[in-house]
Amino acid sequence: MNTLTLTVTGMSCMGCVNSVKNLVGALPGVTQVEVDLASGRVEIKHDPAQTETSDIRAAIEDGGYGIKD
């Protein structure tokens, strides 16, 4: 398992938090998604053999959120 930490922009409420959790959690190999609304920090535990970092980033961005690099 790998742990990926991203800073996601555009989240303003718990609805956004749940949306990001659902977008990322639906990907194969993702076992845990922790979101901190105040900081925008999203920590994802995933199996890199099933889901690559680029897939996770695309799911978040396709959901209408941004990612700070």
PDB file of N, CA and C in Angstrom:
ATOM      1  N   MET A   1       0.829  -1.187   0.000  1.00  0.00           N
ATOM      2  CA  MET A   1       0.000   0.000   0.000  1.00  0.00           C
ATOM      3  C   MET A   1       0.874   1.250   0.000  1.00  0.00           C
ATOM      4  N   ASN A   2       0.459   2.204  -0.783  1.00  0.00           N
ATOM      5  CA  ASN A   2       1.109   3.508  -0.802  1.00  0.00           C
ATOM      6  C   ASN A   2       0.193   4.527  -0.149  1.00  0.00           C
ATOM      7  N   THR A   3       0.786   5.580   0.394  1.00  0.00           N
ATOM      8  CA  THR A   3       0.014   6.693   0.915  1.00  0.00           C
ATOM      9  C   THR A   3       0.357   7.924   0.091  1.00  0.00           C
ATOM     10  N   LEU A   4      -0.682   8.548  -0.457  1.00  0.00           N
ATOM     11  CA  LEU A   4      -0.530   9.751  -1.275  1.00  0.00           C
ATOM     12  C   LEU A   4      -1.202  10.889  -0.536  1.00  0.00           C
ATOM     13  N   THR A   5      -0.498  12.020  -0.391  1.00  0.00           N
ATOM     14  CA  THR A   5      -1.080  13.191   0.245  1.00  0.00           C
ATOM     15  C   THR A   5      -1.131  14.319  -0.777  1.00  0.00           C
ATOM     16  N   LEU A   6      -2.320  14.871  -0.961  1.00  0.00           N
ATOM     17  CA  LEU A   6      -2.539  15.958  -1.903  1.00  0.00           C
ATOM     18  C   LEU A   6      -3.193  17.126  -1.185  1.00  0.00           C
ATOM     19  N   THR A   7      -3.003  18.335  -1.711  1.00  0.00           N
ATOM     20  CA  THR A   7      -3.730  19.500  -1.237  1.00  0.00           C
ATOM     21  C   THR A   7      -4.766  19.832  -2.307  1.00  0.00           C
ATOM     22  N   VAL A   8      -6.028  19.660  -1.943  1.00  0.00           N
ATOM     23  CA  VAL A   8      -7.129  19.842  -2.883  1.00  0.00           C
ATOM     24  C   VAL A   8      -7.761  21.208  -2.650  1.00  0.00           C
ATOM     25  N   THR A   9      -7.996  21.941  -3.726  1.00  0.00           N
ATOM     26  CA  THR A   9      -8.621  23.258  -3.643  1.00  0.00           C
ATOM     27  C   THR A   9     -10.066  23.167  -4.128  1.00  0.00           C
ATOM     28  N   GLY A  10     -10.869  24.117  -3.676  1.00  0.00           N
ATOM     29  CA  GLY A  10     -12.257  24.182  -4.115  1.00  0.00           C
ATOM     30  C   GLY A  10     -13.243  23.513  -3.173  1.00  0.00           C
ATOM     31  N   MET A  11     -12.751  22.951  -2.072  1.00  0.00           N
ATOM     32  CA  MET A  11     -13.650  22.345  -1.089  1.00  0.00           C
ATOM     33  C   MET A  11     -14.063  23.422  -0.088  1.00  0.00           C
ATOM     34  N   SER A  12     -15.379  23.585   0.109  1.00  0.00           N
ATOM     35  CA  SER A  12     -15.849  24.637   1.006  1.00  0.00           C
ATOM     36  C   SER A  12     -16.792  24.145   2.096  1.00  0.00           C
ATOM     37  N   CYS A  13     -17.197  22.876   2.045  1.00  0.00           N
ATOM     38  CA  CYS A  13     -18.161  22.373   3.025  1.00  0.00           C
ATOM     39  C   CYS A  13     -18.012  20.855   3.162  1.00  0.00           C
ATOM     40  N   MET A  14     -18.777  20.291   4.073  1.00  0.00           N
ATOM     41  CA  MET A  14     -18.719  18.841   4.276  1.00  0.00           C
ATOM     42  C   MET A  14     -19.254  18.088   3.059  1.00  0.00           C
ATOM     43  N   GLY A  15     -20.115  18.711   2.295  1.00  0.00           N
ATOM     44  CA  GLY A  15     -20.583  18.094   1.058  1.00  0.00           C
ATOM     45  C   GLY A  15     -19.423  17.885   0.097  1.00  0.00           C
ATOM     46  N   CYS A  16     -18.532  18.864   0.032  1.00  0.00           N
ATOM     47  CA  CYS A  16     -17.339  18.755  -0.815  1.00  0.00           C
ATOM     48  C   CYS A  16     -16.429  17.636  -0.306  1.00  0.00           C
ATOM     49  N   VAL A  17     -16.278  17.563   1.004  1.00  0.00           N
ATOM     50  CA  VAL A  17     -15.449  16.519   1.603  1.00  0.00           C
ATOM     51  C   VAL A  17     -15.994  15.142   1.215  1.00  0.00           C
ATOM     52  N   ASN A  18     -17.304  14.975   1.357  1.00  0.00           N
ATOM     53  CA  ASN A  18     -17.919  13.693   1.008  1.00  0.00           C
ATOM     54  C   ASN A  18     -17.790  13.402  -0.482  1.00  0.00           C
ATOM     55  N   SER A  19     -17.890  14.434  -1.300  1.00  0.00           N
ATOM     56  CA  SER A  19     -17.749  14.261  -2.749  1.00  0.00           C
ATOM     57  C   SER A  19     -16.353  13.759  -3.105  1.00  0.00           C
ATOM     58  N   VAL A  20     -15.328  14.373  -2.520  1.00  0.00           N
ATOM     59  CA  VAL A  20     -13.945  13.952  -2.789  1.00  0.00           C
ATOM     60  C   VAL A  20     -13.734  12.524  -2.286  1.00  0.00           C
ATOM     61  N   LYS A  21     -14.254  12.217  -1.093  1.00  0.00           N
ATOM     62  CA  LYS A  21     -14.122  10.854  -0.561  1.00  0.00           C
ATOM     63  C   LYS A  21     -14.767   9.841  -1.505  1.00  0.00           C
ATOM     64  N   ASN A  22     -15.944  10.172  -2.028  1.00  0.00           N
ATOM     65  CA  ASN A  22     -16.644   9.259  -2.928  1.00  0.00           C
ATOM     66  C   ASN A  22     -15.934   9.124  -4.272  1.00  0.00           C
ATOM     67  N   LEU A  23     -15.433  10.230  -4.815  1.00  0.00           N
ATOM     68  CA  LEU A  23     -14.728  10.191  -6.098  1.00  0.00           C
ATOM     69  C   LEU A  23     -13.495   9.296  -6.015  1.00  0.00           C
ATOM     70  N   VAL A  24     -12.703   9.495  -4.973  1.00  0.00           N
ATOM     71  CA  VAL A  24     -11.454   8.751  -4.826  1.00  0.00           C
ATOM     72  C   VAL A  24     -11.716   7.330  -4.317  1.00  0.00           C
ATOM     73  N   GLY A  25     -12.648   7.204  -3.383  1.00  0.00           N
ATOM     74  CA  GLY A  25     -12.947   5.905  -2.802  1.00  0.00           C
ATOM     75  C   GLY A  25     -13.511   4.904  -3.790  1.00  0.00           C
ATOM     76  N   ALA A  26     -14.070   5.392  -4.898  1.00  0.00           N
ATOM     77  CA  ALA A  26     -14.645   4.507  -5.911  1.00  0.00           C
ATOM     78  C   ALA A  26     -13.585   3.856  -6.800  1.00  0.00           C
ATOM     79  N   LEU A  27     -12.366   4.352  -6.737  1.00  0.00           N
ATOM     80  CA  LEU A  27     -11.301   3.808  -7.575  1.00  0.00           C
ATOM     81  C   LEU A  27     -10.828   2.460  -7.035  1.00  0.00           C
ATOM     82  N   PRO A  28     -10.479   1.535  -7.927  1.00  0.00           N
ATOM     83  CA  PRO A  28     -10.000   0.227  -7.473  1.00  0.00           C
ATOM     84  C   PRO A  28      -8.686   0.352  -6.696  1.00  0.00           C
ATOM     85  N   GLY A  29      -8.583  -0.385  -5.621  1.00  0.00           N
ATOM     86  CA  GLY A  29      -7.342  -0.393  -4.847  1.00  0.00           C
ATOM     87  C   GLY A  29      -7.247   0.682  -3.796  1.00  0.00           C
ATOM     88  N   VAL A  30      -8.208   1.596  -3.746  1.00  0.00           N
ATOM     89  CA  VAL A  30      -8.202   2.638  -2.716  1.00  0.00           C
ATOM     90  C   VAL A  30      -8.858   2.067  -1.467  1.00  0.00           C
ATOM     91  N   THR A  31      -8.120   2.082  -0.358  1.00  0.00           N
ATOM     92  CA  THR A  31      -8.622   1.480   0.869  1.00  0.00           C
ATOM     93  C   THR A  31      -9.023   2.503   1.921  1.00  0.00           C
ATOM     94  N   GLN A  32      -8.489   3.733   1.810  1.00  0.00           N
ATOM     95  CA  GLN A  32      -8.802   4.744   2.819  1.00  0.00           C
ATOM     96  C   GLN A  32      -8.627   6.128   2.226  1.00  0.00           C
ATOM     97  N   VAL A  33      -9.561   7.037   2.560  1.00  0.00           N
ATOM     98  CA  VAL A  33      -9.476   8.433   2.141  1.00  0.00           C
ATOM     99  C   VAL A  33      -9.778   9.294   3.363  1.00  0.00           C
ATOM    100  N   GLU A  34      -8.809  10.101   3.767  1.00  0.00           N
ATOM    101  CA  GLU A  34      -8.977  11.028   4.893  1.00  0.00           C
ATOM    102  C   GLU A  34      -8.900  12.449   4.340  1.00  0.00           C
ATOM    103  N   VAL A  35      -9.894  13.288   4.683  1.00  0.00           N
ATOM    104  CA  VAL A  35      -9.941  14.655   4.169  1.00  0.00           C
ATOM    105  C   VAL A  35      -9.997  15.629   5.337  1.00  0.00           C
ATOM    106  N   ASP A  36      -9.118  16.645   5.310  1.00  0.00           N
ATOM    107  CA  ASP A  36      -9.157  17.731   6.280  1.00  0.00           C
ATOM    108  C   ASP A  36      -9.613  18.981   5.536  1.00  0.00           C
ATOM    109  N   LEU A  37     -10.848  19.404   5.797  1.00  0.00           N
ATOM    110  CA  LEU A  37     -11.433  20.528   5.072  1.00  0.00           C
ATOM    111  C   LEU A  37     -10.648  21.824   5.283  1.00  0.00           C
ATOM    112  N   ALA A  38     -10.225  22.093   6.511  1.00  0.00           N
ATOM    113  CA  ALA A  38      -9.554  23.359   6.821  1.00  0.00           C
ATOM    114  C   ALA A  38      -8.266  23.551   6.024  1.00  0.00           C
ATOM    115  N   SER A  39      -7.484  22.507   5.905  1.00  0.00           N
ATOM    116  CA  SER A  39      -6.197  22.615   5.200  1.00  0.00           C
ATOM    117  C   SER A  39      -6.287  22.185   3.741  1.00  0.00           C
ATOM    118  N   GLY A  40      -7.355  21.467   3.395  1.00  0.00           N
ATOM    119  CA  GLY A  40      -7.477  20.927   2.043  1.00  0.00           C
ATOM    120  C   GLY A  40      -6.659  19.668   1.840  1.00  0.00           C
ATOM    121  N   ARG A  41      -6.109  19.154   2.917  1.00  0.00           N
ATOM    122  CA  ARG A  41      -5.235  17.977   2.833  1.00  0.00           C
ATOM    123  C   ARG A  41      -6.060  16.700   2.664  1.00  0.00           C
ATOM    124  N   VAL A  42      -5.695  15.923   1.669  1.00  0.00           N
ATOM    125  CA  VAL A  42      -6.361  14.647   1.413  1.00  0.00           C
ATOM    126  C   VAL A  42      -5.296  13.555   1.419  1.00  0.00           C
ATOM    127  N   GLU A  43      -5.475  12.570   2.280  1.00  0.00           N
ATOM    128  CA  GLU A  43      -4.532  11.460   2.385  1.00  0.00           C
ATOM    129  C   GLU A  43      -5.230  10.200   1.885  1.00  0.00           C
ATOM    130  N   ILE A  44      -4.613   9.546   0.917  1.00  0.00           N
ATOM    131  CA  ILE A  44      -5.209   8.388   0.260  1.00  0.00           C
ATOM    132  C   ILE A  44      -4.279   7.196   0.391  1.00  0.00           C
ATOM    133  N   LYS A  45      -4.805   6.098   0.901  1.00  0.00           N
ATOM    134  CA  LYS A  45      -4.049   4.835   0.930  1.00  0.00           C
ATOM    135  C   LYS A  45      -4.561   3.998  -0.237  1.00  0.00           C
ATOM    136  N   HIS A  46      -3.621   3.539  -1.066  1.00  0.00           N
ATOM    137  CA  HIS A  46      -4.030   2.805  -2.265  1.00  0.00           C
ATOM    138  C   HIS A  46      -2.974   1.802  -2.691  1.00  0.00           C
ATOM    139  N   ASP A  47      -3.430   0.841  -3.481  1.00  0.00           N
ATOM    140  CA  ASP A  47      -2.554  -0.167  -4.073  1.00  0.00           C
ATOM    141  C   ASP A  47      -2.131   0.356  -5.436  1.00  0.00           C
ATOM    142  N   PRO A  48      -0.842   0.704  -5.615  1.00  0.00           N
ATOM    143  CA  PRO A  48      -0.388   1.280  -6.877  1.00  0.00           C
ATOM    144  C   PRO A  48      -0.490   0.316  -8.061  1.00  0.00           C
ATOM    145  N   ALA A  49      -0.640  -0.965  -7.794  1.00  0.00           N
ATOM    146  CA  ALA A  49      -0.813  -1.926  -8.880  1.00  0.00           C
ATOM    147  C   ALA A  49      -2.216  -1.831  -9.478  1.00  0.00           C
ATOM    148  N   GLN A  50      -3.154  -1.267  -8.711  1.00  0.00           N
ATOM    149  CA  GLN A  50      -4.535  -1.149  -9.180  1.00  0.00           C
ATOM    150  C   GLN A  50      -4.895   0.264  -9.622  1.00  0.00           C
ATOM    151  N   THR A  51      -4.364   1.269  -8.929  1.00  0.00           N
ATOM    152  CA  THR A  51      -4.673   2.660  -9.243  1.00  0.00           C
ATOM    153  C   THR A  51      -3.409   3.498  -9.117  1.00  0.00           C
ATOM    154  N   GLU A  52      -3.077   4.201 -10.185  1.00  0.00           N
ATOM    155  CA  GLU A  52      -1.893   5.057 -10.185  1.00  0.00           C
ATOM    156  C   GLU A  52      -2.245   6.442  -9.648  1.00  0.00           C
ATOM    157  N   THR A  53      -1.218   7.171  -9.251  1.00  0.00           N
ATOM    158  CA  THR A  53      -1.398   8.532  -8.753  1.00  0.00           C
ATOM    159  C   THR A  53      -2.125   9.398  -9.773  1.00  0.00           C
ATOM    160  N   SER A  54      -1.810   9.238 -11.047  1.00  0.00           N
ATOM    161  CA  SER A  54      -2.454  10.043 -12.090  1.00  0.00           C
ATOM    162  C   SER A  54      -3.954   9.775 -12.157  1.00  0.00           C
ATOM    163  N   ASP A  55      -4.381   8.551 -11.870  1.00  0.00           N
ATOM    164  CA  ASP A  55      -5.814   8.216 -11.856  1.00  0.00           C
ATOM    165  C   ASP A  55      -6.527   8.929 -10.701  1.00  0.00           C
ATOM    166  N   ILE A  56      -5.871   8.984  -9.560  1.00  0.00           N
ATOM    167  CA  ILE A  56      -6.443   9.650  -8.388  1.00  0.00           C
ATOM    168  C   ILE A  56      -6.576  11.142  -8.652  1.00  0.00           C
ATOM    169  N   ARG A  57      -5.514  11.725  -9.184  1.00  0.00           N
ATOM    170  CA  ARG A  57      -5.545  13.159  -9.499  1.00  0.00           C
ATOM    171  C   ARG A  57      -6.640  13.467 -10.521  1.00  0.00           C
ATOM    172  N   ALA A  58      -6.778  12.622 -11.531  1.00  0.00           N
ATOM    173  CA  ALA A  58      -7.791  12.835 -12.575  1.00  0.00           C
ATOM    174  C   ALA A  58      -9.198  12.745 -11.989  1.00  0.00           C
ATOM    175  N   ALA A  59      -9.433  11.806 -11.082  1.00  0.00           N
ATOM    176  CA  ALA A  59     -10.758  11.656 -10.470  1.00  0.00           C
ATOM    177  C   ALA A  59     -11.140  12.912  -9.696  1.00  0.00           C
ATOM    178  N   ILE A  60     -10.191  13.468  -8.958  1.00  0.00           N
ATOM    179  CA  ILE A  60     -10.455  14.690  -8.185  1.00  0.00           C
ATOM    180  C   ILE A  60     -10.723  15.864  -9.124  1.00  0.00           C
ATOM    181  N   GLU A  61      -9.885  16.024 -10.132  1.00  0.00           N
ATOM    182  CA  GLU A  61     -10.032  17.140 -11.064  1.00  0.00           C
ATOM    183  C   GLU A  61     -11.289  17.006 -11.911  1.00  0.00           C
ATOM    184  N   ASP A  62     -11.631  15.784 -12.307  1.00  0.00           N
ATOM    185  CA  ASP A  62     -12.859  15.561 -13.074  1.00  0.00           C
ATOM    186  C   ASP A  62     -14.098  15.872 -12.229  1.00  0.00           C
ATOM    187  N   GLY A  63     -13.963  15.791 -10.921  1.00  0.00           N
ATOM    188  CA  GLY A  63     -15.050  16.124 -10.009  1.00  0.00           C
ATOM    189  C   GLY A  63     -15.209  17.617  -9.785  1.00  0.00           C
ATOM    190  N   GLY A  64     -14.332  18.422 -10.391  1.00  0.00           N
ATOM    191  CA  GLY A  64     -14.459  19.871 -10.298  1.00  0.00           C
ATOM    192  C   GLY A  64     -13.559  20.529  -9.263  1.00  0.00           C
ATOM    193  N   TYR A  65     -12.634  19.778  -8.694  1.00  0.00           N
ATOM    194  CA  TYR A  65     -11.731  20.319  -7.683  1.00  0.00           C
ATOM    195  C   TYR A  65     -10.341  20.486  -8.278  1.00  0.00           C
ATOM    196  N   GLY A  66      -9.539  21.314  -7.633  1.00  0.00           N
ATOM    197  CA  GLY A  66      -8.170  21.529  -8.094  1.00  0.00           C
ATOM    198  C   GLY A  66      -7.192  20.857  -7.158  1.00  0.00           C
ATOM    199  N   ILE A  67      -5.955  20.734  -7.626  1.00  0.00           N
ATOM    200  CA  ILE A  67      -4.880  20.158  -6.812  1.00  0.00           C
ATOM    201  C   ILE A  67      -3.700  21.094  -6.850  1.00  0.00           C
ATOM    202  N   LYS A  68      -3.238  21.503  -5.660  1.00  0.00           N
ATOM    203  CA  LYS A  68      -2.045  22.358  -5.550  1.00  0.00           C
ATOM    204  C   LYS A  68      -0.817  21.484  -5.689  1.00  0.00           C
ATOM    205  N   ASP A  69       0.123  21.915  -6.522  1.00  0.00           N
ATOM    206  CA  ASP A  69       1.377  21.163  -6.676  1.00  0.00           C
ATOM    207  C   ASP A  69       2.444  21.716  -5.772  1.00  0.00           C
TER     208      ASP A  69
END
